[in-house]
Amino acid sequence: MWHVAQNELLFFNSFKMKLSVIFGIIQMFAGTCLKGLNAIYFGEKLDFMFEFLPMVAFACSLFVYMIILIVMKWCINWNSRMLSATCLDPNGDSWGSDAYDGDWVQCDGNGDGTCTPWGYSCQGNDETADTCPLGYGGSGGGCQPPNLITTLINIALQPGTVDEPLYAGQPFIQNILLLIAFGSVPILLLAKPYFL
């Protein structure tokens, strides 16, 4: 399907970039695991406790989380999610389309006469966050695909703020992961010199 689409080049460039990021993070994480195995093999408890474990905590809280977000974004049916927040004429051709994964529900007809597929009566000036049934927050309520680069940058620059969340509770989870990352840095830098 993507091979014949007009945005084929954009899709494949984005796909290759994300795949490269995933392979790079896997390689980096494998090197960290080798460091941990070396520390165990040579009996270096300080290296294991104050280098390997904080490195794993830091890598998981930021980089492995990035892989999880990439895979989640790939696995979500964005056509269905965006359609769930779209106001449609119940008598139109697009009503009842197979593109929506849920059950089509006829609204009560209040407002401007259009409905979302899940039964919300549109008023004509509704925001996507109002018409999205997920209610995850942000400007689209979880019904618009996020820009992952912006999401990852904002983990550190705007903690607790997610413009387009992929799942419920994403701001809270990202704050916890940021605290883990920040907590691991002083341990990496100061613990081993202190104990030596």
Protein backbone atom coordinates (compact mmCIF):
# COMPACT_ATOMS: atom_id res chain seq x y z
CA MET A 1 0.00 0.00 0.00
CA TRP A 2 2.77 2.48 0.93
CA HIS A 3 4.68 1.63 -2.25
CA VAL A 4 2.02 3.24 -4.45
CA ALA A 5 1.16 6.16 -2.16
CA GLN A 6 2.03 9.73 -3.07
CA ASN A 7 3.97 10.15 0.19
CA GLU A 8 6.08 7.02 -0.42
CA LEU A 9 9.41 8.87 -0.13
CA LEU A 10 8.40 10.66 3.08
CA PHE A 11 7.21 7.41 4.61
CA PHE A 12 10.32 5.42 3.73
CA ASN A 13 12.71 8.17 4.88
CA SER A 14 10.89 8.39 8.20
CA PHE A 15 10.80 4.60 8.51
CA LYS A 16 14.53 4.28 7.78
CA MET A 17 15.38 7.00 10.30
CA LYS A 18 13.33 5.35 13.05
CA LEU A 19 14.76 1.93 12.24
CA SER A 20 18.29 3.38 12.42
CA VAL A 21 17.51 4.88 15.83
CA ILE A 22 16.20 1.52 17.06
CA PHE A 23 19.30 -0.35 15.84
CA GLY A 24 21.61 2.28 17.34
CA ILE A 25 19.92 2.09 20.73
CA ILE A 26 19.97 -1.71 20.69
CA GLN A 27 23.71 -1.64 19.91
CA MET A 28 24.36 0.91 22.67
CA PHE A 29 22.33 -1.10 25.16
CA ALA A 30 24.16 -4.31 24.19
CA GLY A 31 27.48 -2.57 24.94
CA THR A 32 26.15 -1.53 28.33
CA CYS A 33 25.08 -5.11 29.06
CA LEU A 34 28.58 -6.33 28.12
CA LYS A 35 29.99 -3.85 30.63
CA GLY A 36 27.73 -5.36 33.28
CA LEU A 37 28.77 -8.90 32.38
CA ASN A 38 32.43 -7.88 32.59
CA ALA A 39 31.84 -6.36 36.02
CA ILE A 40 30.22 -9.60 37.19
CA TYR A 41 32.94 -11.80 35.65
CA PHE A 42 35.81 -9.81 37.17
CA GLY A 43 34.01 -9.35 40.51
CA GLU A 44 33.98 -5.54 40.32
CA LYS A 45 31.04 -4.73 42.57
CA LEU A 46 31.59 -0.97 42.44
CA ASP A 47 31.51 -1.01 38.63
CA PHE A 48 28.37 -3.09 38.63
CA MET A 49 26.51 -1.09 41.29
CA PHE A 50 27.62 2.45 40.45
CA GLU A 51 28.27 2.30 36.70
CA PHE A 52 26.30 -0.52 35.10
CA LEU A 53 23.02 -0.15 37.02
CA PRO A 54 22.81 3.66 36.65
CA MET A 55 23.70 3.31 32.95
CA VAL A 56 20.86 0.82 32.50
CA ALA A 57 18.46 3.09 34.41
CA PHE A 58 19.45 6.09 32.28
CA ALA A 59 19.29 4.15 28.99
CA CYS A 60 15.92 2.59 29.81
CA SER A 61 14.34 5.80 31.04
CA LEU A 62 15.14 7.72 27.86
CA PHE A 63 16.33 5.54 24.99
CA VAL A 64 14.40 2.31 25.49
CA TYR A 65 11.33 4.47 26.14
CA MET A 66 11.98 6.10 22.74
CA ILE A 67 11.89 2.66 21.09
CA ILE A 68 8.63 1.87 22.89
CA LEU A 69 7.08 5.11 21.60
CA ILE A 70 8.25 4.40 18.04
CA VAL A 71 6.79 0.88 18.08
CA MET A 72 3.56 2.11 19.67
CA LYS A 73 3.17 4.76 16.98
CA TRP A 74 3.70 2.11 14.29
CA CYS A 75 1.13 -0.24 15.82
CA ILE A 76 -1.72 2.24 16.26
CA ASN A 77 -4.32 2.54 13.51
CA TRP A 78 -4.15 6.32 13.09
CA ASN A 79 -6.77 6.38 10.35
CA SER A 80 -9.31 4.95 12.80
CA ARG A 81 -8.19 7.20 15.67
CA MET A 82 -8.39 10.36 13.54
CA LEU A 83 -11.72 9.28 12.08
CA SER A 84 -13.09 8.82 15.62
CA ALA A 85 -12.58 12.57 16.18
CA THR A 86 -14.01 13.65 12.82
CA CYS A 87 -17.49 15.17 12.52
CA LEU A 88 -19.40 13.38 9.75
CA ASP A 89 -22.87 13.62 8.25
CA PRO A 90 -24.77 10.49 9.40
CA ASN A 91 -26.49 10.41 6.00
CA GLY A 92 -23.26 10.86 4.04
CA ASP A 93 -21.22 8.29 2.12
CA SER A 94 -18.41 8.14 4.68
CA TRP A 95 -20.75 7.16 7.54
CA GLY A 96 -20.32 3.48 8.43
CA SER A 97 -16.91 3.22 6.76
CA ASP A 98 -14.66 0.25 7.50
CA ALA A 99 -11.84 2.68 8.34
CA TYR A 100 -13.23 3.09 11.88
CA ASP A 101 -12.44 0.17 14.20
CA GLY A 102 -15.24 0.81 16.70
CA ASP A 103 -19.02 0.61 16.57
CA TRP A 104 -20.78 3.39 14.68
CA VAL A 105 -23.23 5.18 16.99
CA GLN A 106 -25.87 7.60 15.73
CA CYS A 107 -25.87 10.84 17.76
CA ASP A 108 -28.97 12.64 18.99
CA GLY A 109 -28.73 15.26 16.22
CA ASN A 110 -28.15 18.27 18.48
CA GLY A 111 -25.67 20.84 17.28
CA ASP A 112 -24.89 21.20 13.59
CA GLY A 113 -26.30 17.78 12.61
CA THR A 114 -22.97 16.02 12.26
CA CYS A 115 -21.66 13.29 14.55
CA THR A 116 -18.44 11.53 15.37
CA PRO A 117 -18.44 7.75 14.77
CA TRP A 118 -18.72 7.14 18.53
CA GLY A 119 -21.87 9.31 18.87
CA TYR A 120 -20.70 12.80 19.88
CA SER A 121 -22.96 15.58 18.53
CA CYS A 122 -20.72 18.15 16.88
CA GLN A 123 -21.39 21.82 17.44
CA GLY A 124 -19.50 23.18 14.41
CA ASN A 125 -16.57 24.74 16.28
CA ASP A 126 -15.33 21.69 18.19
CA GLU A 127 -11.66 21.13 18.89
CA THR A 128 -10.15 17.71 18.20
CA ALA A 129 -9.62 17.21 21.95
CA ASP A 130 -13.40 17.64 22.45
CA THR A 131 -14.41 15.16 19.76
CA CYS A 132 -11.80 12.50 20.55
CA PRO A 133 -13.27 9.64 22.63
CA LEU A 134 -9.92 8.73 24.21
CA GLY A 135 -9.51 11.86 26.36
CA TYR A 136 -5.74 11.47 26.82
CA GLY A 137 -5.21 15.23 26.99
CA GLY A 138 -3.16 17.48 24.76
CA SER A 139 -4.46 19.32 21.74
CA GLY A 140 -5.88 16.21 20.07
CA GLY A 141 -6.93 14.07 23.02
CA GLY A 142 -4.87 11.16 21.67
CA CYS A 143 -6.53 11.04 18.25
CA GLN A 144 -3.73 12.71 16.29
CA PRO A 145 -0.34 11.09 15.64
CA PRO A 146 2.38 12.80 17.67
CA ASN A 147 5.67 14.18 16.45
CA LEU A 148 8.00 11.87 18.38
CA ILE A 149 10.98 14.21 18.16
CA THR A 150 8.99 16.96 19.86
CA THR A 151 7.66 14.49 22.43
CA LEU A 152 11.15 13.30 23.34
CA ILE A 153 12.63 16.79 23.51
CA ASN A 154 9.76 17.96 25.70
CA ILE A 155 10.40 15.17 28.21
CA ALA A 156 13.30 17.28 29.47
CA LEU A 157 12.33 20.80 28.35
CA GLN A 158 8.64 20.77 29.33
CA PRO A 159 8.16 17.99 31.92
CA GLY A 160 4.56 16.96 32.37
CA THR A 161 3.47 18.42 29.04
CA VAL A 162 2.60 16.12 26.14
CA ASP A 163 1.01 17.84 23.15
CA GLU A 164 -0.19 14.65 21.47
CA PRO A 165 -0.21 11.70 23.91
CA LEU A 166 -0.12 8.11 22.66
CA TYR A 167 -1.61 6.63 25.81
CA ALA A 168 -3.40 7.64 29.00
CA GLY A 169 -1.12 8.90 31.78
CA GLN A 170 1.80 9.64 29.46
CA PRO A 171 2.83 12.91 31.19
CA PHE A 172 3.06 11.17 34.58
CA ILE A 173 5.08 8.24 33.18
CA GLN A 174 7.46 10.62 31.42
CA ASN A 175 8.01 12.60 34.63
CA ILE A 176 8.92 9.39 36.48
CA LEU A 177 11.33 8.39 33.70
CA LEU A 178 12.91 11.86 33.76
CA LEU A 179 13.44 11.60 37.53
CA ILE A 180 15.10 8.21 37.04
CA ALA A 181 17.40 9.66 34.36
CA PHE A 182 18.32 12.68 36.50
CA GLY A 183 18.84 10.48 39.56
CA SER A 184 21.22 8.15 37.74
CA VAL A 185 23.60 10.91 36.56
CA PRO A 186 24.95 11.92 40.02
CA ILE A 187 25.41 8.25 40.88
CA LEU A 188 27.40 7.73 37.68
CA LEU A 189 29.57 10.77 38.29
CA LEU A 190 30.09 10.77 42.06
CA ALA A 191 29.51 7.37 43.68
CA LYS A 192 32.53 5.44 42.44
CA PRO A 193 35.08 8.22 43.15
CA TYR A 194 33.57 8.65 46.63
CA PHE A 195 33.92 4.96 47.50
CA LEU A 196 37.44 4.70 46.06
